[in-house]
Amino acid sequence: MNKYGRQAQEAWKAASPARYSQIQDPEEFFTKLGEEAQEQVDELLLKIAGPDPQGESYLEKVGRLNAAKNQAEEIVRYDLLSPPETEDEEDEYENPTIKEHLEFMAEMQRLREQL
C-alpha cells in the first residue's frame, strides 16, 4: 500500500468508522485506492505544472514542480481519498473546483506564453 492508500485508510478510520468497518478487505480496497490516487496525482501534476517556461532556471523549475505536486495531492486528497459523507453524495458528488483550477492554470499558461 502506498502513502495515499495509508492516508485514505487513516482518514476513513477517523472520519467514518462505521463505513470503514463495512469494507470487507481494507488492505485491498485502500491499496487500489492509493494506486488510483497516485495515477491522478501524476496526471494532474503535469497539467498544473504545464510546459517549461523559456528562461526558467533550475531552482524556479524545482519550485514550480513542487508547487504543482502539492496542489495535485491536495486536490486528489480532497476529491478521492476523503470518505464520502453519505451514500447519495458519493454517487452524485462532483468537485467543480478541479475543473475551475485547471482552467485557471491553462489561462495562466497562455498569459506566460504571451510574455
N, C-alpha and C. Protein backbone atom coordinates (compact mmCIF):
# COMPACT_ATOMS: atom_id res chain seq x y z
N MET A 1 0.85 -1.18 0.00
CA MET A 1 0.00 0.00 0.00
C MET A 1 0.89 1.24 0.00
N ASN A 2 0.58 2.19 -0.90
CA ASN A 2 1.40 3.39 -0.98
C ASN A 2 0.91 4.45 0.03
N LYS A 3 1.58 5.59 0.03
CA LYS A 3 1.28 6.62 1.04
C LYS A 3 -0.14 7.16 0.91
N TYR A 4 -0.66 7.21 -0.30
CA TYR A 4 -2.02 7.72 -0.48
C TYR A 4 -3.05 6.73 0.08
N GLY A 5 -2.80 5.45 -0.10
CA GLY A 5 -3.68 4.44 0.47
C GLY A 5 -3.68 4.50 1.99
N ARG A 6 -2.49 4.68 2.57
CA ARG A 6 -2.41 4.78 4.04
C ARG A 6 -3.11 6.04 4.55
N GLN A 7 -2.94 7.16 3.83
CA GLN A 7 -3.62 8.40 4.22
C GLN A 7 -5.13 8.22 4.17
N ALA A 8 -5.62 7.59 3.11
CA ALA A 8 -7.06 7.37 2.97
C ALA A 8 -7.57 6.45 4.08
N GLN A 9 -6.82 5.39 4.37
CA GLN A 9 -7.24 4.45 5.39
C GLN A 9 -7.35 5.14 6.75
N GLU A 10 -6.38 5.97 7.08
CA GLU A 10 -6.42 6.70 8.35
C GLU A 10 -7.58 7.69 8.37
N ALA A 11 -7.81 8.37 7.25
CA ALA A 11 -8.92 9.33 7.19
C ALA A 11 -10.26 8.63 7.36
N TRP A 12 -10.43 7.49 6.72
CA TRP A 12 -11.69 6.75 6.83
C TRP A 12 -11.88 6.24 8.25
N LYS A 13 -10.81 5.74 8.87
CA LYS A 13 -10.92 5.24 10.25
C LYS A 13 -11.37 6.36 11.19
N ALA A 14 -10.80 7.55 11.01
CA ALA A 14 -11.09 8.66 11.91
C ALA A 14 -12.44 9.31 11.61
N ALA A 15 -12.74 9.53 10.33
CA ALA A 15 -13.92 10.31 9.98
C ALA A 15 -15.19 9.47 9.83
N SER A 16 -15.01 8.21 9.47
CA SER A 16 -16.19 7.39 9.21
C SER A 16 -15.95 5.94 9.63
N PRO A 17 -15.82 5.70 10.92
CA PRO A 17 -15.52 4.34 11.38
C PRO A 17 -16.60 3.33 11.00
N ALA A 18 -17.85 3.75 10.91
CA ALA A 18 -18.92 2.83 10.53
C ALA A 18 -18.73 2.36 9.09
N ARG A 19 -18.43 3.28 8.19
CA ARG A 19 -18.17 2.89 6.79
C ARG A 19 -16.90 2.05 6.69
N TYR A 20 -15.90 2.43 7.43
CA TYR A 20 -14.64 1.68 7.39
C TYR A 20 -14.90 0.23 7.80
N SER A 21 -15.70 0.02 8.83
CA SER A 21 -15.97 -1.34 9.31
C SER A 21 -16.75 -2.17 8.29
N GLN A 22 -17.40 -1.53 7.33
CA GLN A 22 -18.17 -2.24 6.30
C GLN A 22 -17.30 -2.70 5.13
N ILE A 23 -16.08 -2.23 5.05
CA ILE A 23 -15.19 -2.64 3.95
C ILE A 23 -14.70 -4.06 4.23
N GLN A 24 -14.97 -4.95 3.30
CA GLN A 24 -14.66 -6.37 3.52
C GLN A 24 -13.16 -6.64 3.57
N ASP A 25 -12.40 -6.04 2.67
CA ASP A 25 -10.96 -6.24 2.64
C ASP A 25 -10.27 -4.88 2.59
N PRO A 26 -10.07 -4.25 3.76
CA PRO A 26 -9.49 -2.89 3.77
C PRO A 26 -8.12 -2.81 3.08
N GLU A 27 -7.30 -3.83 3.24
CA GLU A 27 -5.96 -3.81 2.63
C GLU A 27 -6.07 -3.69 1.10
N GLU A 28 -6.89 -4.50 0.50
CA GLU A 28 -7.07 -4.46 -0.95
C GLU A 28 -7.74 -3.16 -1.39
N PHE A 29 -8.79 -2.75 -0.67
CA PHE A 29 -9.52 -1.53 -1.01
C PHE A 29 -8.61 -0.31 -1.01
N PHE A 30 -7.84 -0.14 0.06
CA PHE A 30 -7.00 1.05 0.17
C PHE A 30 -5.74 0.95 -0.69
N THR A 31 -5.31 -0.25 -1.00
CA THR A 31 -4.20 -0.41 -1.95
C THR A 31 -4.64 0.08 -3.33
N LYS A 32 -5.81 -0.36 -3.77
CA LYS A 32 -6.33 0.07 -5.08
C LYS A 32 -6.62 1.57 -5.08
N LEU A 33 -7.20 2.07 -4.00
CA LEU A 33 -7.50 3.50 -3.90
C LEU A 33 -6.20 4.32 -3.96
N GLY A 34 -5.17 3.85 -3.28
CA GLY A 34 -3.87 4.54 -3.31
C GLY A 34 -3.25 4.55 -4.69
N GLU A 35 -3.39 3.44 -5.42
CA GLU A 35 -2.85 3.37 -6.78
C GLU A 35 -3.59 4.35 -7.69
N GLU A 36 -4.90 4.41 -7.56
CA GLU A 36 -5.70 5.35 -8.35
C GLU A 36 -5.31 6.78 -8.01
N ALA A 37 -5.11 7.05 -6.74
CA ALA A 37 -4.70 8.39 -6.31
C ALA A 37 -3.35 8.76 -6.92
N GLN A 38 -2.41 7.82 -6.92
CA GLN A 38 -1.08 8.09 -7.49
C GLN A 38 -1.20 8.44 -8.98
N GLU A 39 -2.03 7.70 -9.70
CA GLU A 39 -2.23 7.98 -11.13
C GLU A 39 -2.82 9.37 -11.33
N GLN A 40 -3.80 9.73 -10.51
CA GLN A 40 -4.43 11.04 -10.65
C GLN A 40 -3.47 12.17 -10.28
N VAL A 41 -2.67 11.96 -9.24
CA VAL A 41 -1.68 12.97 -8.86
C VAL A 41 -0.69 13.19 -10.00
N ASP A 42 -0.19 12.10 -10.57
CA ASP A 42 0.78 12.20 -11.67
C ASP A 42 0.19 12.95 -12.86
N GLU A 43 -1.06 12.65 -13.19
CA GLU A 43 -1.73 13.30 -14.32
C GLU A 43 -1.97 14.79 -14.05
N LEU A 44 -2.49 15.08 -12.86
CA LEU A 44 -2.76 16.48 -12.51
C LEU A 44 -1.49 17.30 -12.39
N LEU A 45 -0.44 16.69 -11.85
CA LEU A 45 0.83 17.40 -11.70
C LEU A 45 1.29 17.94 -13.05
N LEU A 46 1.22 17.11 -14.08
CA LEU A 46 1.66 17.55 -15.40
C LEU A 46 0.78 18.67 -15.95
N LYS A 47 -0.53 18.57 -15.71
CA LYS A 47 -1.44 19.60 -16.19
C LYS A 47 -1.23 20.92 -15.45
N ILE A 48 -1.05 20.84 -14.15
CA ILE A 48 -0.88 22.05 -13.35
C ILE A 48 0.46 22.71 -13.65
N ALA A 49 1.51 21.91 -13.73
CA ALA A 49 2.85 22.46 -13.97
C ALA A 49 2.97 23.07 -15.35
N GLY A 50 2.36 22.43 -16.33
CA GLY A 50 2.45 22.93 -17.70
C GLY A 50 3.86 22.78 -18.26
N PRO A 51 4.06 23.29 -19.46
CA PRO A 51 5.39 23.19 -20.07
C PRO A 51 6.39 24.14 -19.40
N ASP A 52 7.66 23.86 -19.60
CA ASP A 52 8.71 24.69 -19.03
C ASP A 52 8.71 26.07 -19.71
N PRO A 53 8.60 27.13 -18.91
CA PRO A 53 8.70 28.46 -19.50
C PRO A 53 10.12 28.73 -20.00
N GLN A 54 10.21 29.49 -21.05
CA GLN A 54 11.51 29.83 -21.61
C GLN A 54 12.29 30.66 -20.60
N GLY A 55 13.54 30.33 -20.39
CA GLY A 55 14.40 31.07 -19.48
C GLY A 55 14.25 30.70 -18.02
N GLU A 56 13.48 29.66 -17.73
CA GLU A 56 13.27 29.24 -16.34
C GLU A 56 14.56 28.61 -15.81
N SER A 57 14.97 29.05 -14.62
CA SER A 57 16.17 28.48 -14.01
C SER A 57 15.85 27.13 -13.37
N TYR A 58 16.88 26.41 -12.99
CA TYR A 58 16.71 25.11 -12.35
C TYR A 58 15.89 25.23 -11.07
N LEU A 59 16.25 26.20 -10.23
CA LEU A 59 15.54 26.36 -8.96
C LEU A 59 14.09 26.80 -9.17
N GLU A 60 13.85 27.62 -10.17
CA GLU A 60 12.47 28.00 -10.49
C GLU A 60 11.66 26.79 -10.92
N LYS A 61 12.29 25.92 -11.71
CA LYS A 61 11.59 24.71 -12.17
C LYS A 61 11.29 23.79 -11.00
N VAL A 62 12.25 23.60 -10.12
CA VAL A 62 12.03 22.76 -8.95
C VAL A 62 10.88 23.32 -8.12
N GLY A 63 10.86 24.61 -7.91
CA GLY A 63 9.78 25.23 -7.15
C GLY A 63 8.43 25.07 -7.83
N ARG A 64 8.40 25.27 -9.15
CA ARG A 64 7.15 25.13 -9.90
C ARG A 64 6.63 23.70 -9.83
N LEU A 65 7.53 22.72 -9.99
CA LEU A 65 7.11 21.32 -9.96
C LEU A 65 6.67 20.89 -8.56
N ASN A 66 7.37 21.37 -7.54
CA ASN A 66 6.96 21.05 -6.15
C ASN A 66 5.59 21.66 -5.84
N ALA A 67 5.38 22.89 -6.26
CA ALA A 67 4.08 23.54 -6.03
C ALA A 67 2.97 22.79 -6.77
N ALA A 68 3.25 22.37 -7.99
CA ALA A 68 2.26 21.62 -8.78
C ALA A 68 1.94 20.29 -8.11
N LYS A 69 2.95 19.62 -7.59
CA LYS A 69 2.72 18.33 -6.92
C LYS A 69 1.88 18.53 -5.66
N ASN A 70 2.20 19.56 -4.89
CA ASN A 70 1.42 19.84 -3.67
C ASN A 70 -0.04 20.14 -4.01
N GLN A 71 -0.26 20.92 -5.06
CA GLN A 71 -1.63 21.23 -5.47
C GLN A 71 -2.35 19.97 -5.94
N ALA A 72 -1.68 19.15 -6.73
CA ALA A 72 -2.30 17.92 -7.23
C ALA A 72 -2.64 16.99 -6.08
N GLU A 73 -1.75 16.84 -5.12
CA GLU A 73 -2.01 15.98 -3.97
C GLU A 73 -3.19 16.50 -3.15
N GLU A 74 -3.27 17.82 -2.99
CA GLU A 74 -4.37 18.40 -2.22
C GLU A 74 -5.71 18.14 -2.92
N ILE A 75 -5.74 18.31 -4.22
CA ILE A 75 -6.97 18.08 -4.98
C ILE A 75 -7.39 16.62 -4.88
N VAL A 76 -6.45 15.70 -5.10
CA VAL A 76 -6.77 14.27 -5.06
C VAL A 76 -7.14 13.84 -3.65
N ARG A 77 -6.46 14.36 -2.67
CA ARG A 77 -6.78 14.02 -1.28
C ARG A 77 -8.22 14.40 -0.96
N TYR A 78 -8.62 15.57 -1.39
CA TYR A 78 -9.97 16.04 -1.12
C TYR A 78 -11.01 15.27 -1.94
N ASP A 79 -10.71 15.09 -3.22
CA ASP A 79 -11.69 14.52 -4.15
C ASP A 79 -11.80 13.00 -4.06
N LEU A 80 -10.71 12.31 -3.83
CA LEU A 80 -10.70 10.84 -3.92
C LEU A 80 -10.49 10.14 -2.59
N LEU A 81 -9.63 10.67 -1.75
CA LEU A 81 -9.22 9.93 -0.55
C LEU A 81 -10.10 10.17 0.67
N SER A 82 -10.88 11.25 0.66
CA SER A 82 -11.75 11.52 1.80
C SER A 82 -12.96 10.59 1.76
N PRO A 83 -13.39 10.10 2.92
CA PRO A 83 -14.57 9.23 2.92
C PRO A 83 -15.82 10.02 2.57
N PRO A 84 -16.73 9.44 1.80
CA PRO A 84 -17.97 10.14 1.49
C PRO A 84 -18.82 10.31 2.75
N GLU A 85 -19.59 11.38 2.79
CA GLU A 85 -20.41 11.62 3.97
C GLU A 85 -21.68 10.79 3.97
N THR A 86 -22.29 10.63 2.78
CA THR A 86 -23.50 9.80 2.68
C THR A 86 -23.44 9.01 1.39
N GLU A 87 -24.27 8.00 1.27
CA GLU A 87 -24.33 7.19 0.06
C GLU A 87 -24.67 8.06 -1.15
N ASP A 88 -25.69 8.93 -1.02
CA ASP A 88 -26.13 9.75 -2.13
C ASP A 88 -25.03 10.69 -2.61
N GLU A 89 -24.32 11.30 -1.67
CA GLU A 89 -23.25 12.22 -2.05
C GLU A 89 -22.14 11.50 -2.77
N GLU A 90 -21.88 10.25 -2.41
CA GLU A 90 -20.82 9.50 -3.06
C GLU A 90 -21.13 9.30 -4.54
N ASP A 91 -22.39 9.01 -4.87
CA ASP A 91 -22.76 8.74 -6.24
C ASP A 91 -22.89 10.01 -7.08
N GLU A 92 -23.35 11.11 -6.47
CA GLU A 92 -23.66 12.31 -7.24
C GLU A 92 -22.59 13.38 -7.13
N TYR A 93 -21.61 13.23 -6.27
CA TYR A 93 -20.66 14.30 -6.00
C TYR A 93 -19.69 14.50 -7.15
N GLU A 94 -19.53 15.76 -7.51
CA GLU A 94 -18.51 16.15 -8.48
C GLU A 94 -17.88 17.42 -7.97
N ASN A 95 -16.58 17.46 -7.87
CA ASN A 95 -15.90 18.62 -7.33
C ASN A 95 -15.65 19.64 -8.45
N PRO A 96 -16.42 20.72 -8.49
CA PRO A 96 -16.25 21.69 -9.57
C PRO A 96 -14.94 22.46 -9.49
N THR A 97 -14.29 22.47 -8.35
CA THR A 97 -13.07 23.25 -8.22
C THR A 97 -11.91 22.67 -9.02
N ILE A 98 -11.91 21.38 -9.29
CA ILE A 98 -10.83 20.80 -10.09
C ILE A 98 -10.87 21.40 -11.50
N LYS A 99 -12.06 21.40 -12.12
CA LYS A 99 -12.19 21.95 -13.47
C LYS A 99 -11.83 23.43 -13.48
N GLU A 100 -12.34 24.17 -12.51
CA GLU A 100 -12.04 25.60 -12.43
C GLU A 100 -10.55 25.84 -12.26
N HIS A 101 -9.90 25.02 -11.43
CA HIS A 101 -8.47 25.18 -11.19
C HIS A 101 -7.68 24.91 -12.46
N LEU A 102 -8.03 23.86 -13.20
CA LEU A 102 -7.32 23.53 -14.43
C LEU A 102 -7.53 24.62 -15.49
N GLU A 103 -8.74 25.19 -15.54
CA GLU A 103 -8.99 26.28 -16.47
C GLU A 103 -8.14 27.50 -16.11
N PHE A 104 -8.04 27.78 -14.82
CA PHE A 104 -7.21 28.89 -14.35
C PHE A 104 -5.74 28.67 -14.73
N MET A 105 -5.27 27.44 -14.52
CA MET A 105 -3.87 27.14 -14.84
C MET A 105 -3.63 27.26 -16.35
N ALA A 106 -4.59 26.84 -17.17
CA ALA A 106 -4.45 26.97 -18.62
C ALA A 106 -4.38 28.43 -19.02
N GLU A 107 -5.21 29.26 -18.39
CA GLU A 107 -5.18 30.70 -18.66
C GLU A 107 -3.84 31.30 -18.25
N MET A 108 -3.31 30.89 -17.11
CA MET A 108 -2.01 31.38 -16.67
C MET A 108 -0.91 31.00 -17.67
N GLN A 109 -0.99 29.78 -18.21
CA GLN A 109 0.00 29.33 -19.18
C GLN A 109 -0.10 30.17 -20.45
N ARG A 110 -1.33 30.47 -20.89
CA ARG A 110 -1.49 31.31 -22.09
C ARG A 110 -0.89 32.69 -21.86
N LEU A 111 -1.09 33.24 -20.67
CA LEU A 111 -0.52 34.55 -20.35
C LEU A 111 1.00 34.51 -20.31
N ARG A 112 1.57 33.41 -19.77
CA ARG A 112 3.03 33.28 -19.74
C ARG A 112 3.60 33.25 -21.14
N GLU A 113 2.90 32.56 -22.05
CA GLU A 113 3.40 32.43 -23.41
C GLU A 113 3.36 33.78 -24.15
N GLN A 114 2.48 34.67 -23.73
CA GLN A 114 2.39 35.99 -24.36
C GLN A 114 3.54 36.90 -23.96
N LEU A 115 4.20 36.59 -22.86
CA LEU A 115 5.30 37.45 -22.38
C LEU A 115 6.52 37.35 -23.24
